[in-house]
Protein backbone atom coordinates (compact mmCIF):
# COMPACT_ATOMS: atom_id res chain seq x y z
CA UNK A 1 -38.14 -57.17 -96.27
CA UNK A 2 -37.19 -57.62 -92.68
CA UNK A 3 -36.23 -61.50 -93.53
CA UNK A 4 -34.12 -60.17 -96.46
CA UNK A 5 -32.20 -57.84 -94.11
CA UNK A 6 -31.88 -60.78 -91.20
CA UNK A 7 -30.30 -62.86 -94.10
CA UNK A 8 -27.78 -60.16 -95.03
CA UNK A 9 -26.67 -59.66 -92.05
CA UNK A 10 -26.22 -63.18 -91.09
CA UNK A 11 -24.05 -63.63 -94.16
CA UNK A 12 -21.69 -60.65 -93.08
CA UNK A 13 -18.20 -62.34 -92.40
CA UNK A 14 -17.51 -61.24 -88.80
CA UNK A 15 -14.03 -60.05 -87.78
CA UNK A 16 -12.34 -61.26 -84.44
CA UNK A 17 -10.24 -60.12 -81.89
CA UNK A 18 -7.46 -62.57 -82.40
CA UNK A 19 -6.97 -62.11 -85.93
CA UNK A 20 -7.26 -58.11 -85.47
CA UNK A 21 -4.38 -57.91 -83.36
CA UNK A 22 -1.20 -58.91 -84.86
CA UNK A 23 2.09 -57.67 -83.53
CA UNK A 24 3.76 -58.53 -87.13
CA UNK A 25 5.64 -55.57 -88.44
CA UNK A 26 4.90 -54.42 -92.13
CA UNK A 27 8.03 -55.50 -94.40
CA UNK A 28 9.76 -57.48 -91.84
CA UNK A 29 7.18 -60.62 -91.72
CA UNK A 30 9.64 -63.16 -92.63
CA UNK A 31 11.82 -61.89 -89.50
CA UNK A 32 8.87 -61.96 -87.09
CA UNK A 33 9.66 -63.20 -83.77
CA UNK A 34 8.82 -62.17 -80.27
CA UNK A 35 11.52 -60.37 -78.14
CA UNK A 36 11.90 -61.20 -74.61
CA UNK A 37 12.12 -58.11 -73.21
CA UNK A 38 9.99 -55.65 -71.01
CA UNK A 39 8.60 -53.65 -73.97
CA UNK A 40 5.95 -55.36 -76.28
CA UNK A 41 5.84 -54.71 -80.21
CA UNK A 42 3.15 -52.24 -79.93
CA UNK A 43 5.07 -50.26 -76.91
CA UNK A 44 8.15 -50.29 -79.68
CA UNK A 45 5.69 -48.60 -82.14
CA UNK A 46 5.09 -46.00 -79.29
CA UNK A 47 8.82 -45.57 -78.85
CA UNK A 48 9.75 -44.99 -82.63
CA UNK A 49 7.09 -42.58 -83.09
CA UNK A 50 8.29 -40.34 -79.93
CA UNK A 51 11.92 -40.17 -80.87
CA UNK A 52 11.07 -39.76 -84.77
CA UNK A 53 11.76 -36.60 -86.66
CA UNK A 54 8.28 -36.30 -87.99
CA UNK A 55 6.73 -36.31 -84.63
CA UNK A 56 9.16 -33.64 -83.14
CA UNK A 57 8.01 -31.35 -86.14
CA UNK A 58 4.60 -31.45 -84.96
CA UNK A 59 5.53 -28.78 -82.46
CA UNK A 60 5.83 -26.46 -85.07
CA UNK A 61 2.74 -27.17 -86.59
CA UNK A 62 -0.70 -25.07 -86.22
CA UNK A 63 -3.44 -27.19 -84.44
CA UNK A 64 -6.04 -24.42 -84.69
CA UNK A 65 -4.98 -21.31 -83.26
CA UNK A 66 -1.56 -19.52 -84.43
CA UNK A 67 1.46 -20.65 -82.80
CA UNK A 68 2.02 -18.98 -79.27
CA UNK A 69 3.10 -15.64 -78.43
CA UNK A 70 2.77 -15.06 -74.62
CA UNK A 71 -0.22 -17.41 -74.31
CA UNK A 72 0.49 -21.14 -74.87
CA UNK A 73 -2.00 -22.74 -76.97
CA UNK A 74 -2.18 -26.39 -78.52
CA UNK A 75 0.09 -27.17 -81.68
CA UNK A 76 -0.10 -30.53 -83.21
CA UNK A 77 2.43 -31.97 -80.92
CA UNK A 78 0.83 -31.19 -77.54
CA UNK A 79 -2.55 -32.07 -79.29
CA UNK A 80 -1.00 -35.60 -80.56
CA UNK A 81 0.24 -36.21 -76.79
CA UNK A 82 -2.87 -35.41 -75.19
CA UNK A 83 -4.90 -37.35 -77.59
CA UNK A 84 -2.41 -40.40 -76.87
CA UNK A 85 -3.00 -40.22 -73.40
CA UNK A 86 -6.77 -40.49 -73.67
CA UNK A 87 -6.23 -43.26 -76.24
CA UNK A 88 -4.43 -45.32 -73.77
CA UNK A 89 -7.28 -45.06 -71.53
CA UNK A 90 -9.72 -46.16 -73.68
CA UNK A 91 -7.99 -48.99 -75.04
CA UNK A 92 -7.12 -49.98 -71.65
CA UNK A 93 -10.86 -49.95 -70.30
CA UNK A 94 -12.10 -51.59 -73.40
CA UNK A 95 -9.74 -54.31 -73.29
CA UNK A 96 -10.80 -54.72 -69.55
CA UNK A 97 -14.41 -54.82 -70.45
CA UNK A 98 -14.01 -57.11 -73.36
CA UNK A 99 -12.20 -59.52 -71.50
CA UNK A 100 -14.72 -59.66 -68.64
CA UNK A 101 -17.39 -60.04 -71.48
CA UNK A 102 -15.59 -62.68 -73.19
CA UNK A 103 -13.16 -64.66 -70.53
CA UNK A 104 -11.46 -66.65 -73.48
CA UNK A 105 -9.67 -63.58 -74.46
CA UNK A 106 -7.81 -63.33 -71.35
CA UNK A 107 -4.05 -63.78 -72.13
CA UNK A 108 -4.68 -62.68 -75.88
CA UNK A 109 -2.97 -59.83 -77.47
CA UNK A 110 -6.39 -57.81 -76.84
CA UNK A 111 -4.47 -56.83 -73.26
CA UNK A 112 -2.28 -54.59 -75.26
CA UNK A 113 -5.33 -52.51 -76.64
CA UNK A 114 -3.80 -49.59 -74.61
CA UNK A 115 -0.33 -49.64 -76.11
CA UNK A 116 -1.81 -50.13 -79.79
CA UNK A 117 -4.67 -47.36 -79.52
CA UNK A 118 -1.95 -44.87 -77.63
CA UNK A 119 0.78 -45.35 -80.40
CA UNK A 120 -1.94 -45.00 -83.09
CA UNK A 121 -3.02 -41.43 -81.45
CA UNK A 122 0.55 -40.38 -81.57
CA UNK A 123 0.92 -41.18 -85.41
CA UNK A 124 -2.57 -39.67 -86.33
CA UNK A 125 -1.74 -36.22 -87.51
CA UNK A 126 1.73 -36.77 -88.72
CA UNK A 127 0.81 -36.39 -92.12
CA UNK A 128 -0.82 -33.10 -91.78
CA UNK A 129 0.76 -30.33 -93.69
CA UNK A 130 1.69 -26.86 -92.34
CA UNK A 131 -0.81 -24.17 -91.14
CA UNK A 132 -3.52 -26.82 -89.95
CA UNK A 133 -6.39 -27.77 -92.13
CA UNK A 134 -5.86 -25.11 -94.19
CA UNK A 135 -2.37 -26.46 -95.40
CA UNK A 136 -4.78 -29.73 -96.53
CA UNK A 137 -7.27 -27.41 -98.53
CA UNK A 138 -4.39 -25.39 -99.84
CA UNK A 139 -2.98 -28.56 -101.64
CA UNK A 140 -6.00 -29.93 -102.77
CA UNK A 141 -7.11 -26.77 -104.13
CA UNK A 142 -4.03 -26.18 -105.89
CA UNK A 143 -4.80 -28.97 -108.15
CA UNK A 144 -8.47 -28.90 -108.38
CA UNK A 145 -9.17 -25.12 -109.00
CA UNK A 146 -5.67 -23.59 -108.86
CA UNK A 147 -2.28 -23.36 -110.52
CA UNK A 148 -1.87 -26.88 -111.01
CA UNK A 149 -4.97 -27.69 -112.81
CA UNK A 150 -2.81 -28.05 -115.94
CA UNK A 151 -1.46 -31.15 -114.69
CA UNK A 152 -4.53 -33.13 -115.31
CA UNK A 153 -3.88 -33.08 -119.16
CA UNK A 154 -0.24 -32.65 -118.71
CA UNK A 155 1.85 -35.26 -120.76
CA UNK A 156 5.85 -35.75 -119.73
CA UNK A 157 7.70 -34.80 -123.24
CA UNK A 158 10.30 -37.04 -122.20
CA UNK A 159 8.68 -40.36 -121.03
CA UNK A 160 4.95 -39.59 -122.52
CA UNK A 161 4.03 -40.29 -118.66
CA UNK A 162 0.60 -38.87 -118.09
CA UNK A 163 -1.32 -38.80 -114.34
CA UNK A 164 -4.12 -41.50 -114.20
CA UNK A 165 -7.47 -40.71 -113.17
CA UNK A 166 -7.10 -42.30 -109.83
CA UNK A 167 -3.95 -40.54 -109.18
CA UNK A 168 -5.44 -37.09 -110.22
CA UNK A 169 -7.92 -38.06 -107.27
CA UNK A 170 -4.95 -38.52 -104.78
CA UNK A 171 -3.99 -34.97 -105.78
CA UNK A 172 -7.36 -33.17 -105.50
CA UNK A 173 -8.55 -34.60 -102.33
CA UNK A 174 -4.89 -34.62 -100.42
CA UNK A 175 -5.80 -36.17 -97.13
CA UNK A 176 -3.83 -35.79 -94.13
CA UNK A 177 -4.86 -38.98 -92.65
CA UNK A 178 -4.02 -41.06 -95.91
CA UNK A 179 -0.58 -38.90 -96.15
CA UNK A 180 0.24 -40.04 -92.24
CA UNK A 181 -0.40 -43.87 -93.79
CA UNK A 182 1.76 -43.00 -96.33
CA UNK A 183 4.92 -41.41 -93.95
CA UNK A 184 4.40 -44.63 -92.02
CA UNK A 185 4.55 -47.41 -94.86
CA UNK A 186 6.20 -45.53 -97.71
CA UNK A 187 9.79 -46.66 -98.83
CA UNK A 188 11.77 -43.53 -98.87
CA UNK A 189 15.11 -43.00 -100.42
CA UNK A 190 17.89 -44.03 -97.87
CA UNK A 191 15.60 -46.24 -95.82
CA UNK A 192 16.46 -49.98 -95.84
CA UNK A 193 12.74 -50.95 -95.19
CA UNK A 194 9.51 -49.08 -96.06
CA UNK A 195 8.48 -46.19 -93.54
CA UNK A 196 8.66 -46.93 -89.76
CA UNK A 197 8.05 -50.79 -89.88
CA UNK A 198 5.13 -50.51 -87.73
CA UNK A 199 2.93 -53.39 -86.63
CA UNK A 200 0.17 -54.25 -88.71
CA UNK A 201 -2.81 -53.23 -85.89
CA UNK A 202 -1.13 -49.97 -85.07
CA UNK A 203 -1.21 -49.27 -88.94
CA UNK A 204 -4.65 -50.37 -89.37
CA UNK A 205 -5.62 -48.31 -86.30
CA UNK A 206 -4.98 -44.89 -87.90
CA UNK A 207 -6.66 -45.30 -91.07
CA UNK A 208 -10.21 -43.63 -90.38
CA UNK A 209 -11.20 -43.69 -94.03
CA UNK A 210 -10.49 -46.93 -95.42
CA UNK A 211 -11.08 -46.57 -98.84
CA UNK A 212 -9.20 -44.74 -102.17
CA UNK A 213 -9.50 -41.48 -103.16
CA UNK A 214 -12.07 -42.17 -106.18
CA UNK A 215 -14.35 -42.54 -103.13
CA UNK A 216 -13.40 -39.24 -101.55
CA UNK A 217 -16.54 -37.45 -102.46
CA UNK A 218 -17.32 -33.99 -101.44
CA UNK A 219 -15.88 -34.33 -98.14
CA UNK A 220 -12.46 -35.25 -99.91
CA UNK A 221 -11.67 -37.92 -97.25
CA UNK A 222 -10.07 -41.22 -98.06
CA UNK A 223 -7.26 -43.40 -96.35
CA UNK A 224 -4.52 -44.26 -98.64
CA UNK A 225 -2.98 -43.17 -101.92
CA UNK A 226 -2.51 -44.99 -104.83
CA UNK A 227 0.94 -45.74 -103.91
CA UNK A 228 -0.09 -47.41 -100.43
CA UNK A 229 -2.85 -49.22 -101.53
CA UNK A 230 -1.11 -52.80 -101.65
CA UNK A 231 0.28 -52.08 -98.33
CA UNK A 232 -3.09 -51.34 -97.02
CA UNK A 233 -4.64 -54.57 -98.78
CA UNK A 234 -1.69 -56.72 -97.14
CA UNK A 235 -2.78 -55.65 -93.74
CA UNK A 236 -6.26 -55.89 -94.14
CA UNK A 237 -5.79 -59.38 -95.44
CA UNK A 238 -3.74 -60.37 -92.31
CA UNK A 239 -5.93 -58.82 -89.95
CA UNK A 240 -9.58 -60.12 -91.55
CA UNK A 241 -10.57 -56.50 -92.23
CA UNK A 242 -13.68 -56.96 -94.24
CA UNK A 243 -13.68 -55.63 -97.70
CA UNK A 244 -16.99 -53.95 -99.22
CA UNK A 245 -18.32 -54.49 -102.85
CA UNK A 246 -18.20 -50.76 -104.41
CA UNK A 247 -17.89 -49.72 -108.09
CA UNK A 248 -15.05 -50.91 -110.37
CA UNK A 249 -11.82 -49.40 -109.90
CA UNK A 250 -12.53 -48.29 -106.29
CA UNK A 251 -11.66 -50.02 -103.16
CA UNK A 252 -13.59 -50.00 -99.59
CA UNK A 253 -12.89 -51.84 -96.32
CA UNK A 254 -14.50 -51.34 -93.06
CA UNK A 255 -12.78 -49.82 -90.36
CA UNK A 256 -10.62 -51.71 -87.95
CA UNK A 257 -12.56 -51.43 -84.78
CA UNK A 258 -9.55 -49.54 -83.03
CA UNK A 259 -9.97 -46.57 -85.31
CA UNK A 260 -13.28 -45.62 -83.43
CA UNK A 261 -11.39 -45.50 -80.30
CA UNK A 262 -8.43 -43.22 -81.91
CA UNK A 263 -11.20 -40.95 -83.43
CA UNK A 264 -12.99 -40.96 -80.12
CA UNK A 265 -9.75 -39.76 -78.31
CA UNK A 266 -9.21 -37.35 -81.17
CA UNK A 267 -12.70 -36.09 -80.94
CA UNK A 268 -12.83 -35.53 -77.35
CA UNK A 269 -9.30 -33.69 -76.86
CA UNK A 270 -10.01 -31.45 -79.99
CA UNK A 271 -13.14 -30.20 -78.93
CA UNK A 272 -12.94 -29.72 -75.14
CA UNK A 273 -8.98 -28.59 -75.68
CA UNK A 274 -10.27 -25.96 -78.07
CA UNK A 275 -12.72 -24.54 -75.74
CA UNK A 276 -10.09 -24.35 -73.14
CA UNK A 277 -7.73 -22.56 -75.53
CA UNK A 278 -10.32 -20.26 -76.53
CA UNK A 279 -11.00 -19.28 -72.93
CA UNK A 280 -7.21 -18.77 -72.30
CA UNK A 281 -7.27 -16.22 -75.56
CA UNK A 282 -10.32 -14.51 -74.25
CA UNK A 283 -12.32 -15.83 -77.26
CA UNK A 284 -14.98 -17.36 -74.79
CA UNK A 285 -15.82 -15.77 -71.17
CA UNK A 286 -15.38 -17.65 -68.20
CA UNK A 287 -19.07 -17.89 -67.67
CA UNK A 288 -19.65 -19.05 -71.09
CA UNK A 289 -16.97 -21.77 -71.05
CA UNK A 290 -18.04 -22.81 -67.30
CA UNK A 291 -21.40 -23.47 -68.67
CA UNK A 292 -20.68 -25.40 -71.63
CA UNK A 293 -18.26 -27.51 -69.49
CA UNK A 294 -20.92 -28.02 -67.02
CA UNK A 295 -23.41 -28.95 -69.70
CA UNK A 296 -22.16 -32.89 -69.88
CA UNK A 297 -23.32 -33.76 -66.59
CA UNK A 298 -26.90 -34.54 -64.89
CA UNK A 299 -27.69 -32.47 -61.91
CA UNK A 300 -26.34 -34.52 -59.30
CA UNK A 301 -22.90 -34.91 -60.77
CA UNK A 302 -22.94 -31.24 -61.67
CA UNK A 303 -23.70 -30.40 -57.80
CA UNK A 304 -20.56 -32.81 -56.87
CA UNK A 305 -18.30 -30.53 -59.26
CA UNK A 306 -19.62 -27.19 -58.24
CA UNK A 307 -19.20 -28.11 -54.52
CA UNK A 308 -15.53 -29.16 -55.27
CA UNK A 309 -14.98 -25.66 -57.33
CA UNK A 310 -15.84 -23.77 -54.26
CA UNK A 311 -12.43 -24.90 -52.82
CA UNK A 312 -10.49 -23.64 -55.97
CA UNK A 313 -10.24 -19.69 -56.33
CA UNK A 314 -8.32 -19.29 -59.37
CA UNK A 315 -10.62 -19.07 -62.44
CA UNK A 316 -8.12 -20.80 -64.90
CA UNK A 317 -7.63 -23.66 -62.44
CA UNK A 318 -11.52 -24.08 -62.17
CA UNK A 319 -11.35 -24.46 -65.90
CA UNK A 320 -8.78 -26.84 -65.75
CA UNK A 321 -10.54 -28.76 -63.17
CA UNK A 322 -14.01 -28.97 -65.13
CA UNK A 323 -12.15 -29.77 -68.79
CA UNK A 324 -10.84 -32.90 -66.69
CA UNK A 325 -14.01 -33.92 -65.56
CA UNK A 326 -15.44 -33.68 -69.20
CA UNK A 327 -12.69 -35.85 -70.58
CA UNK A 328 -13.44 -38.26 -67.80
CA UNK A 329 -17.05 -38.56 -68.66
CA UNK A 330 -16.45 -38.66 -72.69
CA UNK A 331 -14.06 -41.43 -72.09
CA UNK A 332 -16.45 -43.45 -69.61
CA UNK A 333 -18.90 -43.10 -72.18
CA UNK A 334 -17.25 -43.92 -75.40
CA UNK A 335 -15.59 -47.27 -73.29
CA UNK A 336 -19.31 -48.20 -72.50
CA UNK A 337 -20.43 -47.50 -76.29
CA UNK A 338 -17.72 -49.50 -77.77
CA UNK A 339 -18.64 -52.45 -75.69
CA UNK A 340 -22.53 -52.23 -76.04
CA UNK A 341 -21.88 -52.31 -80.07
CA UNK A 342 -19.07 -54.75 -79.94
CA UNK A 343 -20.97 -57.12 -82.52
CA UNK A 344 -21.57 -54.17 -84.98
CA UNK A 345 -18.06 -53.04 -84.82
CA UNK A 346 -16.81 -56.61 -85.46
CA UNK A 347 -19.26 -57.21 -88.33
CA UNK A 348 -18.46 -53.57 -89.84
CA UNK A 349 -21.93 -52.22 -89.65
CA UNK A 350 -21.46 -49.53 -86.89
CA UNK A 351 -22.42 -46.40 -88.01
CA UNK A 352 -21.14 -42.86 -86.98
CA UNK A 353 -18.36 -42.23 -84.59
CA UNK A 354 -18.36 -43.21 -80.71
CA UNK A 355 -19.37 -39.80 -79.70
CA UNK A 356 -22.72 -40.24 -81.55
CA UNK A 357 -23.68 -43.18 -79.49
CA UNK A 358 -22.86 -41.97 -76.00
CA UNK A 359 -25.81 -41.05 -73.45
CA UNK A 360 -28.03 -37.99 -74.45
CA UNK A 361 -26.80 -35.51 -71.55
CA UNK A 362 -23.17 -35.57 -72.81
CA UNK A 363 -23.89 -35.95 -76.51
CA UNK A 364 -25.90 -33.08 -76.48
CA UNK A 365 -23.44 -30.78 -74.72
CA UNK A 366 -20.75 -31.75 -76.89
CA UNK A 367 -22.92 -30.59 -79.88
CA UNK A 368 -23.25 -27.53 -77.92
CA UNK A 369 -19.58 -27.31 -77.95
CA UNK A 370 -19.28 -27.92 -81.45
CA UNK A 371 -21.65 -25.33 -82.49
CA UNK A 372 -20.09 -22.66 -80.08
CA UNK A 373 -16.64 -23.74 -81.59
CA UNK A 374 -17.85 -23.04 -85.26
CA UNK A 375 -19.49 -19.90 -84.42
CA UNK A 376 -16.84 -18.35 -82.14
CA UNK A 377 -13.72 -20.09 -82.51
CA UNK A 378 -12.87 -21.46 -86.14
CA UNK A 379 -14.23 -18.04 -87.64
CA UNK A 380 -12.34 -15.71 -85.17
CA UNK A 381 -9.70 -13.41 -87.22
CA UNK A 382 -6.74 -14.76 -85.67
CA UNK A 383 -7.81 -18.23 -86.96
CA UNK A 384 -9.02 -17.19 -90.30
CA UNK A 385 -5.50 -14.93 -90.55
CA UNK A 386 -3.65 -18.24 -90.36
CA UNK A 387 -5.72 -19.68 -93.18
CA UNK A 388 -5.05 -16.94 -95.22
CA UNK A 389 -1.33 -16.77 -94.77
CA UNK A 390 -1.16 -20.57 -95.13
CA UNK A 391 -2.84 -20.62 -98.61
CA UNK A 392 -0.34 -18.20 -99.91
CA UNK A 393 2.46 -19.94 -98.67
CA UNK A 394 1.83 -23.35 -99.59
CA UNK A 395 0.17 -22.47 -103.11
CA UNK A 396 3.35 -20.57 -103.79
CA UNK A 397 5.67 -23.39 -102.78
CA UNK A 398 3.68 -25.90 -104.39
CA UNK A 399 3.52 -23.98 -107.69
CA UNK A 400 7.07 -23.64 -107.93
CA UNK A 401 8.15 -27.29 -106.82
CA UNK A 402 5.71 -28.64 -109.07
CA UNK A 403 7.01 -26.64 -111.96
CA UNK A 404 10.90 -27.65 -111.23
CA UNK A 405 10.11 -31.22 -111.20
CA UNK A 406 8.36 -31.21 -114.47
CA UNK A 407 10.77 -29.14 -116.32
CA UNK A 408 14.12 -29.91 -114.29
CA UNK A 409 16.28 -28.72 -116.91
CA UNK A 410 15.73 -25.15 -116.24
CA UNK A 411 18.14 -23.21 -114.46
CA UNK A 412 15.69 -22.07 -111.57
CA UNK A 413 14.31 -25.29 -111.32
CA UNK A 414 18.03 -26.87 -110.79
CA UNK A 415 18.05 -24.43 -107.97
CA UNK A 416 15.06 -25.60 -106.39
CA UNK A 417 15.69 -29.05 -106.88
CA UNK A 418 19.11 -28.64 -104.96
CA UNK A 419 17.34 -27.56 -101.89
CA UNK A 420 15.37 -30.83 -101.39
CA UNK A 421 16.46 -33.09 -99.06
CA UNK A 422 17.62 -36.53 -101.21
CA UNK A 423 15.28 -38.74 -99.51
CA UNK A 424 12.28 -37.34 -101.43
CA UNK A 425 12.58 -38.78 -104.80
CA UNK A 426 11.49 -35.60 -106.77
CA UNK A 427 13.49 -36.76 -110.06
CA UNK A 428 11.85 -40.35 -110.06
CA UNK A 429 10.95 -41.55 -113.54
CA UNK A 430 7.13 -41.54 -113.03
CA UNK A 431 5.43 -38.30 -112.99
CA UNK A 432 3.10 -39.23 -110.37
CA UNK A 433 5.74 -40.29 -108.25
CA UNK A 434 7.77 -36.92 -108.76
CA UNK A 435 4.41 -35.05 -107.61
CA UNK A 436 3.91 -37.06 -104.73
CA UNK A 437 7.69 -36.45 -103.49
CA UNK A 438 6.80 -32.59 -103.81
CA UNK A 439 4.04 -33.45 -101.24
CA UNK A 440 5.71 -35.62 -99.07
CA UNK A 441 8.71 -32.66 -98.90
CA UNK A 442 6.19 -29.73 -98.34
CA UNK A 443 3.60 -31.48 -96.15
CA UNK A 444 6.44 -32.42 -93.99
CA UNK A 445 7.75 -28.74 -93.39
CA UNK A 446 6.75 -27.22 -90.07
CA UNK A 447 4.98 -23.82 -90.18
CA UNK A 448 8.04 -21.70 -89.56
CA UNK A 449 10.18 -23.71 -92.05
CA UNK A 450 7.45 -23.11 -94.86
CA UNK A 451 7.24 -19.41 -93.92
CA UNK A 452 11.06 -18.83 -93.79
CA UNK A 453 11.63 -21.11 -97.21
CA UNK A 454 8.70 -18.87 -98.59
CA UNK A 455 10.37 -15.57 -98.00
CA UNK A 456 13.75 -16.71 -99.24
CA UNK A 457 11.85 -17.90 -102.43
CA UNK A 458 10.37 -14.53 -102.90
CA UNK A 459 13.77 -12.54 -102.18
CA UNK A 460 12.06 -11.17 -98.57
CA UNK A 461 14.91 -12.64 -96.61
CA UNK A 462 18.36 -13.61 -97.28
CA UNK A 463 20.73 -16.19 -95.12
CA UNK A 464 22.80 -14.09 -92.87
CA UNK A 465 26.60 -15.31 -92.47
């Protein structure tokens, strides 16, 4: 048995850094050239995202807690900026470590790892709908168990068009990660090229679940809709990302190694920043928060931190200092894990997240934070209330807009259709394309915009002249 395993592993096609990092842009391959100025192509990716409307809209999208009143907590925008900052450190430190380990990589595009991971981190939440993760659930369950179930067997009376099984899987497993990839690559109306025209490697670095929706399973996770499969295949072929054998009609690849760095930056920020936000909102006491954060360090390091805390009188600033120390610890641990497991990452045989492979003390402390967050934060009244409200708003908008694009001849349908920006092709010939255009429109909304539209549609508010 062991001999078989050795033979199997030795036959795996190993990915390589030279091919995995490409500054070609999807859709502009024939115009590819290296520009002579201070910005690299990956830094251009970052700048394109920063100045884009979808990125700006993240400031009005829920992260975990409801959007702020007197106490400011994280929204999707501040979260994405923090993840990007940690991602830059992870990428730079990994590049430095790998070039020390492999001197032949000095002078290659591997040195741009920090810029690539930073840009991918900025983009990782672009596809998330309003109202946090409850918005994702609301979309998927609208089709799988809600009012949208009728679409599974619906046949367009005009064209005879019907949703395929693969297209139906896209809808019932709607996923923010796949939606981000669509947003960055899709040919929306009015755009000369597809999406943001990002580099191949930045795009590959955001695809956390590189498989099609018919492999989504009970966790409803996948990486690209049917409409973007060809784009991901093109990227994977260009970068030499290994494809895995799976059931007929399904598509599955291993992750690009940089996905693990984007995931680690996200894991570090959302878990630790949620703990800090919970302290600010008095969901966790000072002592509870302090104990959780000190748990990441061995006794020697813990004593050093406590000695420094003596000079900080404000409790909020003490938590800020502890939080920054924890993030630094986790960043170093994830870099170490990445470099130690480089061969598995390049073979596509690495299992789990980087956080699962760090040292025992910080890994156990991270798990305690997860347990506390699940027990006290994600079940708190304010969080549950936003989920309940989000479900109602999203379900109503979906119900009305899906009905409108399936029956555009109706008077009320025309009113709704006229409300939609022309960049969304909601009158496309194919049924699937019309439904996806509705999801583009609704998932791109901010919490405030979605709630405002919900109120107007239901006659609860009118525009003031």
